[in-house]
Amino acid sequence: MINLDEKKLYELLTERSKEELINIILEYVEKSEEYEKDLLGKFGKLDEIEELERIKEKIKQVLQNNNYRRFIGYIESENICSEFSDLSALSEKRREQGYYWLSVQIFLEMIKELMSMSNNGFEMLVYVFQDCIKYLRNSIEVFEEREKPDKKEEILDLILKISERKAFNGWIENRYDLLECAVPLLTKDNYKKLLETSKLLRETESKYEREAAYKEDKILSLKVILKIEGLESGKEFSEQYLEVEKIREWRVKTAIDEEDYKLAGKLCQEMIHNIEVYSYQRMKKWLFLSLEIYELSQDIKNKIEVLKKIVLGGNLEYYETLKGLLKERGDWESEYQILLNKFKKETFNNNYSRILKKEKEWEKLLKCVQNNANLVRDYGEDLVKNYPEETGEIYANLIINNAGETKGRKEYRLVCEDVLKLSKLGQDAKAKELILKLREEYCRRPSFLDELNKISEKL
């Protein structure tokens, strides 16, 4: 929709002659090179090589201006992010105008120059690099469909050349992210170039990085095989390298797509059992894949076993699902006690107390809170209904102990907030008694006394 100002401007311009309009445009072109390039781009008259050189200079200038003493900090990374975002938008615009080669070249130049900063605080720019890779993938997809074979070969060779730069050493994922962008450009005649480059680069990594490079190389090889030879060859290749998690994950998902749930489940369970030290975070992906498999195959027995691991890992949103299935099987009472005992042994989270609240095990929850007084803030409202005296005592002792460790008004306010919460639990008398005790004990802390006076007025 045209707003009033635009409508007014439109009316003014339509009243002008062709010559006057041309002069207006030329006047703006003299003031702005960007405006000139946009016009040329829009009407298909842009010199791609000249435009690329112009943007190359701009990229270098952005990095030079934000590379103070060869180090990139937070402010510099924000500046680079902003400038590169504008350059990405420009490249996208050029692609929409039909300059597919230019669009890809711009992103490759951005990636190359970003990696030149790999020893100067590049950690701050990793997310900028990842954005460039994402946009490059999009541009290459369109480029591959629209451009001639010789242009595709040129871009493939350029990607390989950039990936060989020493700046990528130690940044294995970044290097292989770039190499994977070349996969859509592969044919039966040129795919070996990519595989040979990958193998060579893998060997140039330090001995500490070679295992990671080996895995990335195999993942890349799988993608190449899928592109050149197809799904069946990819499946055959994956069987040899199932120790690489991403390859195993791909094989599981293809098995799910083919409704081969037995194989998919087997591959997941092998991975879970191969994790020597119990680590829920490492197993999480495989557990949820297993859950999907057993839901699709309607395997209730294995679904229950997976849900137990998920719930014990702290995902209590699946607790009711597990409970429902165990009740249907008639095993809930015995399994509940086993789950509860396992949760009780955990000291690093509050899953045990959360389960007790769900099951309204108030006596056990009270003991749990007595052992960890900080939990009274979370469960005081539940416990006070059945254990008002005990709950009030726990909260009061917590406040007294915290008061002894406070320093400064900010911490005094936190103590006073707890006193107000105690009062709201129906423990008004105990809260007032506590205020008197704190005033007496900390009579030489005027800031604390001031905060206590403030909350006294609210009781």
Protein backbone atom coordinates (compact mmCIF):
# COMPACT_ATOMS: atom_id res chain seq x y z
CA MET A 1 0.00 0.00 0.00
CA ILE A 2 1.34 3.47 -0.93
CA ASN A 3 1.43 5.91 2.00
CA LEU A 4 0.54 9.62 1.63
CA ASP A 5 4.15 10.80 1.15
CA GLU A 6 4.81 8.15 -1.52
CA LYS A 7 1.55 9.03 -3.26
CA LYS A 8 2.47 12.70 -3.27
CA LEU A 9 5.93 11.91 -4.63
CA TYR A 10 4.44 9.64 -7.30
CA GLU A 11 2.14 12.44 -8.46
CA LEU A 12 5.04 14.89 -8.61
CA LEU A 13 7.22 12.53 -10.64
CA THR A 14 4.48 11.70 -13.15
CA GLU A 15 4.22 15.43 -13.90
CA ARG A 16 7.91 15.61 -14.85
CA SER A 17 9.22 15.08 -18.37
CA LYS A 18 11.39 12.10 -19.31
CA GLU A 19 14.46 14.32 -19.49
CA GLU A 20 13.81 15.77 -16.03
CA LEU A 21 13.41 12.27 -14.54
CA ILE A 22 16.69 11.15 -16.12
CA ASN A 23 18.45 14.17 -14.63
CA ILE A 24 16.99 13.42 -11.17
CA ILE A 25 18.23 9.83 -11.38
CA LEU A 26 21.69 10.88 -12.57
CA GLU A 27 21.92 13.38 -9.73
CA TYR A 28 21.35 10.62 -7.20
CA VAL A 29 23.74 8.29 -9.03
CA GLU A 30 26.52 10.90 -8.62
CA LYS A 31 25.89 10.94 -4.86
CA SER A 32 25.67 7.19 -4.32
CA GLU A 33 27.68 4.40 -5.92
CA GLU A 34 25.36 1.83 -4.31
CA TYR A 35 22.37 3.47 -5.98
CA GLU A 36 24.15 3.37 -9.33
CA LYS A 37 24.99 -0.35 -8.97
CA ASP A 38 21.43 -1.14 -7.90
CA LEU A 39 20.05 0.54 -11.01
CA LEU A 40 22.51 -1.24 -13.29
CA GLY A 41 21.78 -4.53 -11.54
CA LYS A 42 18.03 -4.08 -11.84
CA PHE A 43 18.19 -3.42 -15.58
CA GLY A 44 20.70 -6.18 -16.35
CA LYS A 45 23.70 -4.04 -17.22
CA LEU A 46 25.95 -4.71 -14.24
CA ASP A 47 29.57 -5.68 -14.92
CA GLU A 48 29.93 -8.70 -12.57
CA ILE A 49 33.74 -8.69 -12.46
CA GLU A 50 33.88 -4.98 -11.71
CA GLU A 51 31.17 -5.33 -9.06
CA LEU A 52 33.00 -8.25 -7.45
CA GLU A 53 36.23 -6.24 -7.22
CA ARG A 54 34.33 -3.37 -5.63
CA ILE A 55 32.79 -5.67 -3.01
CA LYS A 56 36.13 -7.39 -2.35
CA GLU A 57 37.60 -4.02 -1.40
CA LYS A 58 34.62 -3.29 0.81
CA ILE A 59 34.98 -6.63 2.64
CA LYS A 60 38.68 -6.01 3.27
CA GLN A 61 37.95 -2.51 4.50
CA VAL A 62 35.33 -3.74 6.96
CA LEU A 63 37.75 -6.24 8.49
CA GLN A 64 40.66 -3.78 8.57
CA ASN A 65 38.54 -1.15 10.32
CA ASN A 66 37.54 -3.67 13.01
CA ASN A 67 40.85 -5.42 13.56
CA TYR A 68 42.41 -3.11 16.11
CA ARG A 69 45.90 -4.33 16.98
CA ARG A 70 45.09 -7.62 15.23
CA PHE A 71 42.40 -8.58 17.75
CA ILE A 72 38.61 -8.74 17.42
CA GLY A 73 36.56 -8.04 20.54
CA TYR A 74 32.84 -7.86 21.19
CA ILE A 75 32.27 -4.39 19.70
CA GLU A 76 34.35 -5.20 16.61
CA SER A 77 32.48 -8.48 16.06
CA GLU A 78 29.16 -6.64 16.29
CA ASN A 79 30.35 -4.12 13.70
CA ILE A 80 31.52 -6.89 11.36
CA CYS A 81 28.26 -8.77 11.84
CA SER A 82 26.25 -5.68 10.90
CA GLU A 83 28.38 -4.90 7.83
CA PHE A 84 28.40 -8.52 6.66
CA SER A 85 24.65 -8.70 7.11
CA ASP A 86 24.34 -5.80 4.66
CA LEU A 87 26.74 -7.52 2.26
CA SER A 88 24.73 -10.74 2.50
CA ALA A 89 21.56 -8.82 1.69
CA LEU A 90 23.34 -7.27 -1.30
CA SER A 91 24.47 -10.70 -2.53
CA GLU A 92 20.92 -12.03 -2.15
CA LYS A 93 19.65 -9.07 -4.16
CA ARG A 94 22.17 -9.75 -6.94
CA ARG A 95 21.02 -13.37 -7.03
CA GLU A 96 17.38 -12.28 -7.37
CA GLN A 97 18.46 -9.99 -10.22
CA GLY A 98 19.94 -12.99 -12.02
CA TYR A 99 23.63 -12.56 -11.18
CA TYR A 100 24.08 -16.10 -9.82
CA TRP A 101 27.86 -16.31 -10.34
CA LEU A 102 28.36 -12.95 -8.63
CA SER A 103 26.19 -13.92 -5.64
CA VAL A 104 28.22 -17.09 -5.01
CA GLN A 105 31.51 -15.23 -5.48
CA ILE A 106 30.55 -12.59 -2.90
CA PHE A 107 29.82 -15.20 -0.22
CA LEU A 108 33.03 -17.09 -0.99
CA GLU A 109 35.01 -13.86 -0.67
CA MET A 110 33.35 -13.14 2.68
CA ILE A 111 34.19 -16.64 3.91
CA LYS A 112 37.80 -16.42 2.69
CA GLU A 113 38.41 -13.06 4.36
CA LEU A 114 36.68 -14.13 7.60
CA MET A 115 38.97 -17.13 7.85
CA SER A 116 41.98 -14.86 7.39
CA MET A 117 41.12 -13.65 10.91
CA SER A 118 41.33 -17.17 12.38
CA ASN A 119 44.21 -16.23 14.69
CA ASN A 120 42.84 -12.85 15.75
CA GLY A 121 39.77 -13.52 17.86
CA PHE A 122 37.86 -15.49 15.22
CA GLU A 123 35.81 -17.15 18.00
CA MET A 124 33.76 -13.95 18.06
CA LEU A 125 33.00 -14.33 14.35
CA VAL A 126 32.04 -18.01 14.13
CA TYR A 127 28.33 -17.18 13.98
CA VAL A 128 29.01 -14.72 11.13
CA PHE A 129 30.86 -17.50 9.27
CA GLN A 130 27.94 -19.88 9.81
CA ASP A 131 25.51 -17.34 8.38
CA CYS A 132 27.72 -16.94 5.31
CA ILE A 133 27.77 -20.72 4.82
CA LYS A 134 23.97 -20.86 5.08
CA TYR A 135 23.55 -18.14 2.46
CA LEU A 136 26.22 -19.70 0.25
CA ARG A 137 24.31 -23.01 0.23
CA ASN A 138 21.17 -21.21 -0.89
CA SER A 139 23.02 -19.35 -3.64
CA ILE A 140 24.75 -22.51 -4.89
CA GLU A 141 21.43 -24.35 -5.16
CA VAL A 142 20.12 -21.67 -7.53
CA PHE A 143 23.50 -21.30 -9.26
CA GLU A 144 23.66 -25.05 -9.96
CA GLU A 145 20.24 -24.95 -11.65
CA ARG A 146 20.82 -21.84 -13.78
CA GLU A 147 24.49 -21.55 -14.73
CA LYS A 148 26.58 -23.25 -17.43
CA PRO A 149 28.92 -26.21 -16.69
CA ASP A 150 32.11 -24.15 -17.09
CA LYS A 151 30.90 -21.66 -14.48
CA LYS A 152 30.06 -24.52 -12.10
CA GLU A 153 33.53 -25.98 -12.57
CA GLU A 154 35.07 -22.59 -11.85
CA ILE A 155 33.18 -22.26 -8.55
CA LEU A 156 34.00 -25.85 -7.55
CA ASP A 157 37.71 -25.18 -8.08
CA LEU A 158 37.48 -21.94 -6.12
CA ILE A 159 35.82 -23.67 -3.16
CA LEU A 160 38.57 -26.30 -3.12
CA LYS A 161 41.25 -23.62 -3.34
CA ILE A 162 39.80 -21.62 -0.44
CA SER A 163 39.39 -24.75 1.71
CA GLU A 164 43.11 -25.49 1.29
CA ARG A 165 44.13 -22.25 2.99
CA LYS A 166 46.16 -22.70 6.16
CA ALA A 167 43.76 -20.39 7.98
CA PHE A 168 41.31 -23.34 8.16
CA ASN A 169 43.79 -25.53 10.08
CA GLY A 170 42.27 -26.30 13.46
CA TRP A 171 38.82 -25.13 12.29
CA ILE A 172 37.80 -28.51 10.94
CA GLU A 173 34.02 -28.08 11.00
CA ASN A 174 34.31 -24.74 9.21
CA ARG A 175 36.51 -26.25 6.51
CA TYR A 176 34.12 -29.14 5.91
CA ASP A 177 31.07 -26.88 6.01
CA LEU A 178 32.63 -25.08 3.06
CA LEU A 179 33.56 -28.30 1.23
CA GLU A 180 30.01 -29.61 1.61
CA CYS A 181 28.74 -26.51 -0.20
CA ALA A 182 30.47 -27.90 -3.31
CA VAL A 183 28.49 -31.16 -3.38
CA PRO A 184 25.61 -29.82 -5.57
CA LEU A 185 28.22 -28.89 -8.22
CA LEU A 186 29.60 -32.42 -8.53
CA THR A 187 29.33 -34.67 -11.56
CA LYS A 188 30.69 -38.11 -12.39
CA ASP A 189 33.58 -36.35 -14.12
CA ASN A 190 34.72 -34.08 -11.29
CA TYR A 191 33.62 -35.57 -7.94
CA LYS A 192 37.02 -37.18 -7.31
CA LYS A 193 38.60 -33.72 -7.05
CA LEU A 194 36.58 -33.03 -3.93
CA LEU A 195 37.31 -36.41 -2.34
CA GLU A 196 41.04 -36.11 -3.07
CA THR A 197 41.16 -32.60 -1.61
CA SER A 198 39.35 -33.79 1.51
CA LYS A 199 41.76 -36.69 1.98
CA LEU A 200 44.78 -34.42 1.52
CA LEU A 201 43.46 -31.85 3.99
CA ARG A 202 42.70 -34.55 6.53
CA GLU A 203 46.36 -35.52 6.55
CA THR A 204 47.53 -31.92 7.04
CA GLU A 205 45.71 -31.58 10.37
CA SER A 206 47.65 -32.01 13.60
CA LYS A 207 47.56 -35.49 15.15
CA TYR A 208 45.15 -34.18 17.79
CA GLU A 209 42.69 -33.05 15.11
CA ARG A 210 42.95 -35.98 12.71
CA GLU A 211 40.22 -38.07 14.28
CA ALA A 212 37.73 -35.20 13.94
CA ALA A 213 38.93 -34.58 10.37
CA TYR A 214 38.54 -38.31 9.59
CA LYS A 215 34.90 -38.21 10.71
CA GLU A 216 34.14 -35.06 8.74
CA ASP A 217 35.80 -36.63 5.68
CA LYS A 218 33.57 -39.71 5.91
CA ILE A 219 30.44 -37.57 6.33
CA LEU A 220 31.44 -35.59 3.24
CA SER A 221 32.14 -38.83 1.35
CA LEU A 222 28.64 -40.08 2.16
CA LYS A 223 27.11 -36.90 0.74
CA VAL A 224 29.22 -37.23 -2.41
CA ILE A 225 28.15 -40.87 -2.89
CA LEU A 226 24.49 -39.94 -2.44
CA LYS A 227 24.87 -37.22 -5.07
CA ILE A 228 26.77 -39.34 -7.62
CA GLU A 229 25.64 -42.93 -7.02
CA GLY A 230 22.35 -42.66 -5.13
CA LEU A 231 20.68 -43.96 -1.96
CA GLU A 232 21.58 -47.66 -2.18
CA SER A 233 25.29 -46.91 -2.55
CA GLY A 234 25.01 -44.45 0.33
CA LYS A 235 23.47 -47.13 2.56
CA GLU A 236 26.21 -49.58 1.62
CA PHE A 237 28.90 -46.99 2.40
CA SER A 238 27.31 -46.06 5.74
CA GLU A 239 27.49 -49.67 6.98
CA GLN A 240 31.29 -49.38 6.99
CA TYR A 241 31.41 -46.20 9.08
CA LEU A 242 28.64 -46.49 11.66
CA GLU A 243 31.12 -45.41 14.37
CA VAL A 244 30.70 -41.88 12.98
CA GLU A 245 27.62 -40.59 14.81
CA LYS A 246 26.27 -38.42 11.99
CA ILE A 247 26.52 -41.32 9.55
CA ARG A 248 24.77 -43.66 11.99
CA GLU A 249 22.09 -41.04 12.58
CA TRP A 250 21.57 -40.71 8.80
CA ARG A 251 21.27 -44.50 8.48
CA VAL A 252 18.73 -44.63 11.32
CA LYS A 253 16.59 -41.97 9.65
CA THR A 254 16.69 -43.72 6.27
CA ALA A 255 15.65 -46.95 7.99
CA ILE A 256 12.73 -45.12 9.63
CA ASP A 257 11.71 -43.69 6.25
CA GLU A 258 11.77 -47.22 4.81
CA GLU A 259 9.79 -48.52 7.85
CA ASP A 260 12.65 -50.86 8.77
CA TYR A 261 12.07 -50.26 12.46
CA LYS A 262 14.00 -53.34 13.55
CA LEU A 263 17.22 -52.05 11.97
CA ALA A 264 16.60 -48.48 13.14
CA GLY A 265 16.06 -49.64 16.74
CA LYS A 266 19.13 -51.89 16.64
CA LEU A 267 21.36 -49.04 15.41
CA CYS A 268 20.11 -46.74 18.19
CA GLN A 269 20.47 -49.31 20.95
CA GLU A 270 24.01 -50.16 19.86
CA MET A 271 24.93 -46.51 20.17
CA ILE A 272 23.35 -46.20 23.61
CA HIS A 273 25.14 -49.32 24.89
CA ASN A 274 28.47 -48.21 23.40
CA ILE A 275 28.53 -45.10 25.56
CA GLU A 276 30.69 -46.49 28.35
CA VAL A 277 30.02 -43.84 31.00
CA TYR A 278 26.35 -43.01 31.51
CA SER A 279 25.87 -39.58 30.02
CA TYR A 280 22.31 -38.51 29.39
CA GLN A 281 23.35 -35.58 27.21
CA ARG A 282 25.27 -37.89 24.87
CA MET A 283 22.46 -40.44 24.83
CA LYS A 284 19.63 -37.91 24.51
CA LYS A 285 19.55 -37.80 20.69
CA TRP A 286 19.56 -41.60 20.44
CA LEU A 287 16.91 -42.02 23.11
CA PHE A 288 14.50 -39.70 21.31
CA LEU A 289 15.20 -41.40 17.99
CA SER A 290 14.46 -44.73 19.72
CA LEU A 291 11.25 -43.31 21.15
CA GLU A 292 10.14 -42.26 17.65
CA ILE A 293 10.95 -45.74 16.32
CA TYR A 294 9.03 -47.58 19.06
CA GLU A 295 6.05 -45.27 18.72
CA LEU A 296 5.90 -45.88 14.96
CA SER A 297 6.34 -49.65 15.40
CA GLN A 298 3.93 -49.76 18.38
CA ASP A 299 6.57 -51.57 20.46
CA ILE A 300 5.24 -50.77 23.94
CA LYS A 301 7.82 -52.81 25.87
CA ASN A 302 10.84 -51.03 24.39
CA LYS A 303 9.02 -47.70 24.45
CA ILE A 304 8.64 -48.02 28.22
CA GLU A 305 12.35 -48.80 28.67
CA VAL A 306 13.33 -45.77 26.63
CA LEU A 307 10.87 -43.53 28.50
CA LYS A 308 12.42 -44.64 31.81
CA LYS A 309 15.84 -43.46 30.62
CA ILE A 310 14.38 -40.20 29.33
CA VAL A 311 12.55 -39.49 32.60
CA LEU A 312 15.58 -40.43 34.70
CA GLY A 313 17.57 -38.03 32.54
CA GLY A 314 15.40 -35.20 33.84
CA ASN A 315 12.76 -34.86 31.10
CA LEU A 316 9.82 -35.02 33.48
CA GLU A 317 7.37 -33.89 30.80
CA TYR A 318 7.38 -37.58 29.78
CA TYR A 319 6.67 -38.73 33.32
CA GLU A 320 2.88 -38.93 32.92
CA THR A 321 3.23 -40.85 29.62
CA LEU A 322 5.48 -43.39 31.33
CA LYS A 323 3.15 -43.62 34.31
CA GLY A 324 0.15 -44.23 32.05
CA LEU A 325 1.88 -47.05 30.15
CA LEU A 326 3.12 -48.73 33.34
CA LYS A 327 -0.37 -48.52 34.87
CA GLU A 328 -1.83 -50.19 31.78
CA ARG A 329 0.74 -52.97 32.20
CA GLY A 330 0.05 -53.23 35.95
CA ASP A 331 3.64 -52.43 36.96
CA TRP A 332 3.30 -48.86 38.19
CA GLU A 333 3.60 -49.38 41.96
CA SER A 334 6.82 -51.41 41.82
CA GLU A 335 8.39 -49.32 39.06
CA TYR A 336 7.49 -46.08 40.84
CA GLN A 337 9.51 -47.05 43.90
CA ILE A 338 12.52 -47.95 41.71
CA LEU A 339 12.29 -44.59 39.90
CA LEU A 340 11.91 -42.72 43.18
CA ASN A 341 14.95 -44.39 44.72
CA LYS A 342 17.07 -43.53 41.68
CA PHE A 343 15.96 -39.91 41.79
CA LYS A 344 16.68 -39.75 45.52
CA LYS A 345 20.33 -40.64 44.92
CA GLU A 346 20.80 -37.62 42.65
CA THR A 347 22.35 -34.63 44.38
CA PHE A 348 22.76 -32.28 41.42
CA ASN A 349 19.10 -31.52 40.59
CA ASN A 350 15.62 -31.34 42.11
CA ASN A 351 13.94 -34.11 40.14
CA TYR A 352 13.27 -36.10 43.31
CA SER A 353 11.34 -33.24 44.91
CA ARG A 354 9.47 -32.54 41.66
CA ILE A 355 8.27 -36.14 41.53
CA LEU A 356 7.20 -36.02 45.18
CA LYS A 357 5.10 -32.95 44.45
CA LYS A 358 3.51 -34.61 41.41
CA GLU A 359 2.58 -37.63 43.49
CA LYS A 360 1.53 -35.52 46.54
CA GLU A 361 4.00 -37.35 48.78
CA TRP A 362 3.97 -34.50 51.29
CA GLU A 363 5.72 -36.26 54.18
CA LYS A 364 8.64 -37.31 51.98
CA LEU A 365 8.73 -33.85 50.41
CA LEU A 366 8.95 -32.26 53.89
CA LYS A 367 11.98 -34.42 54.74
CA CYS A 368 13.53 -33.52 51.39
CA VAL A 369 13.07 -29.79 52.11
CA GLN A 370 14.42 -30.20 55.65
CA ASN A 371 17.60 -31.59 54.08
CA ASN A 372 17.79 -28.75 51.56
CA ALA A 373 16.22 -25.63 53.04
CA ASN A 374 16.51 -23.63 49.81
CA LEU A 375 13.73 -25.79 48.36
CA VAL A 376 11.24 -24.21 50.77
CA ARG A 377 10.94 -21.31 48.35
CA ASP A 378 9.63 -23.75 45.70
CA TYR A 379 7.51 -26.00 47.90
CA GLY A 380 6.59 -23.90 50.93
CA GLU A 381 3.13 -23.12 49.56
CA ASP A 382 2.42 -26.85 49.10
CA LEU A 383 3.85 -27.97 52.45
CA VAL A 384 2.35 -25.26 54.65
CA LYS A 385 -1.15 -26.69 54.15
CA ASN A 386 -0.22 -29.92 55.96
CA TYR A 387 2.86 -28.89 57.94
CA PRO A 388 2.48 -25.18 58.85
CA GLU A 389 4.76 -25.23 61.90
CA GLU A 390 7.54 -27.23 60.28
CA THR A 391 7.42 -25.19 57.06
CA GLY A 392 7.57 -21.90 58.96
CA GLU A 393 10.52 -23.13 61.01
CA ILE A 394 12.46 -24.22 57.90
CA TYR A 395 11.86 -20.87 56.20
CA ALA A 396 12.76 -18.86 59.32
CA ASN A 397 16.03 -20.76 59.79
CA LEU A 398 16.88 -20.26 56.13
CA ILE A 399 16.35 -16.50 56.48
CA ILE A 400 18.44 -16.30 59.66
CA ASN A 401 21.31 -18.24 58.05
CA ASN A 402 21.20 -16.12 54.88
CA ALA A 403 21.09 -12.88 56.89
CA GLY A 404 24.40 -13.77 58.50
CA GLU A 405 26.05 -13.94 55.06
CA THR A 406 24.59 -10.77 53.55
CA LYS A 407 26.63 -7.73 52.56
CA GLY A 408 25.09 -4.63 51.06
CA ARG A 409 21.58 -3.36 50.45
CA LYS A 410 20.94 -5.59 47.43
CA GLU A 411 21.42 -8.74 49.50
CA TYR A 412 19.44 -7.27 52.42
CA ARG A 413 16.49 -6.83 50.07
CA LEU A 414 16.65 -10.50 49.09
CA VAL A 415 16.48 -11.52 52.74
CA CYS A 416 13.53 -9.18 53.27
CA GLU A 417 11.77 -10.64 50.23
CA ASP A 418 12.01 -14.05 51.89
CA VAL A 419 10.49 -12.60 55.05
CA LEU A 420 7.52 -11.32 52.99
CA LYS A 421 7.14 -14.73 51.35
CA LEU A 422 7.10 -16.33 54.79
CA SER A 423 4.31 -13.96 55.79
CA LYS A 424 2.31 -14.83 52.66
CA LEU A 425 2.43 -18.51 53.67
CA GLY A 426 0.14 -17.60 56.59
CA GLN A 427 3.12 -17.19 58.92
CA ASP A 428 2.54 -13.52 59.69
CA ALA A 429 3.33 -13.84 63.42
CA LYS A 430 6.57 -15.72 62.72
CA ALA A 431 7.57 -13.11 60.10
CA LYS A 432 7.04 -10.25 62.62
CA GLU A 433 8.96 -12.15 65.28
CA LEU A 434 11.78 -12.69 62.77
CA ILE A 435 11.95 -8.98 61.93
CA LEU A 436 12.38 -8.11 65.62
CA LYS A 437 15.13 -10.69 65.96
CA LEU A 438 16.96 -9.40 62.85
CA ARG A 439 16.69 -5.77 64.05
CA GLU A 440 18.23 -6.72 67.35
CA GLU A 441 21.03 -8.83 65.85
CA TYR A 442 21.94 -6.37 63.07
CA CYS A 443 21.28 -3.09 64.84
CA ARG A 444 24.56 -1.66 63.49
CA ARG A 445 23.57 -2.12 59.84
CA PRO A 446 21.44 0.94 58.98
CA SER A 447 20.78 -0.21 55.40
CA PHE A 448 19.48 -3.56 56.64
CA LEU A 449 17.33 -1.84 59.28
CA ASP A 450 15.94 0.47 56.58
CA GLU A 451 14.89 -2.50 54.43
CA LEU A 452 13.35 -4.25 57.46
CA ASN A 453 11.33 -1.11 58.25
CA LYS A 454 10.01 -1.06 54.68
CA ILE A 455 8.65 -4.58 54.86
CA SER A 456 7.27 -4.05 58.39
CA GLU A 457 4.83 -1.56 56.90
CA LYS A 458 3.58 -4.25 54.50
CA LEU A 459 2.80 -6.85 57.19
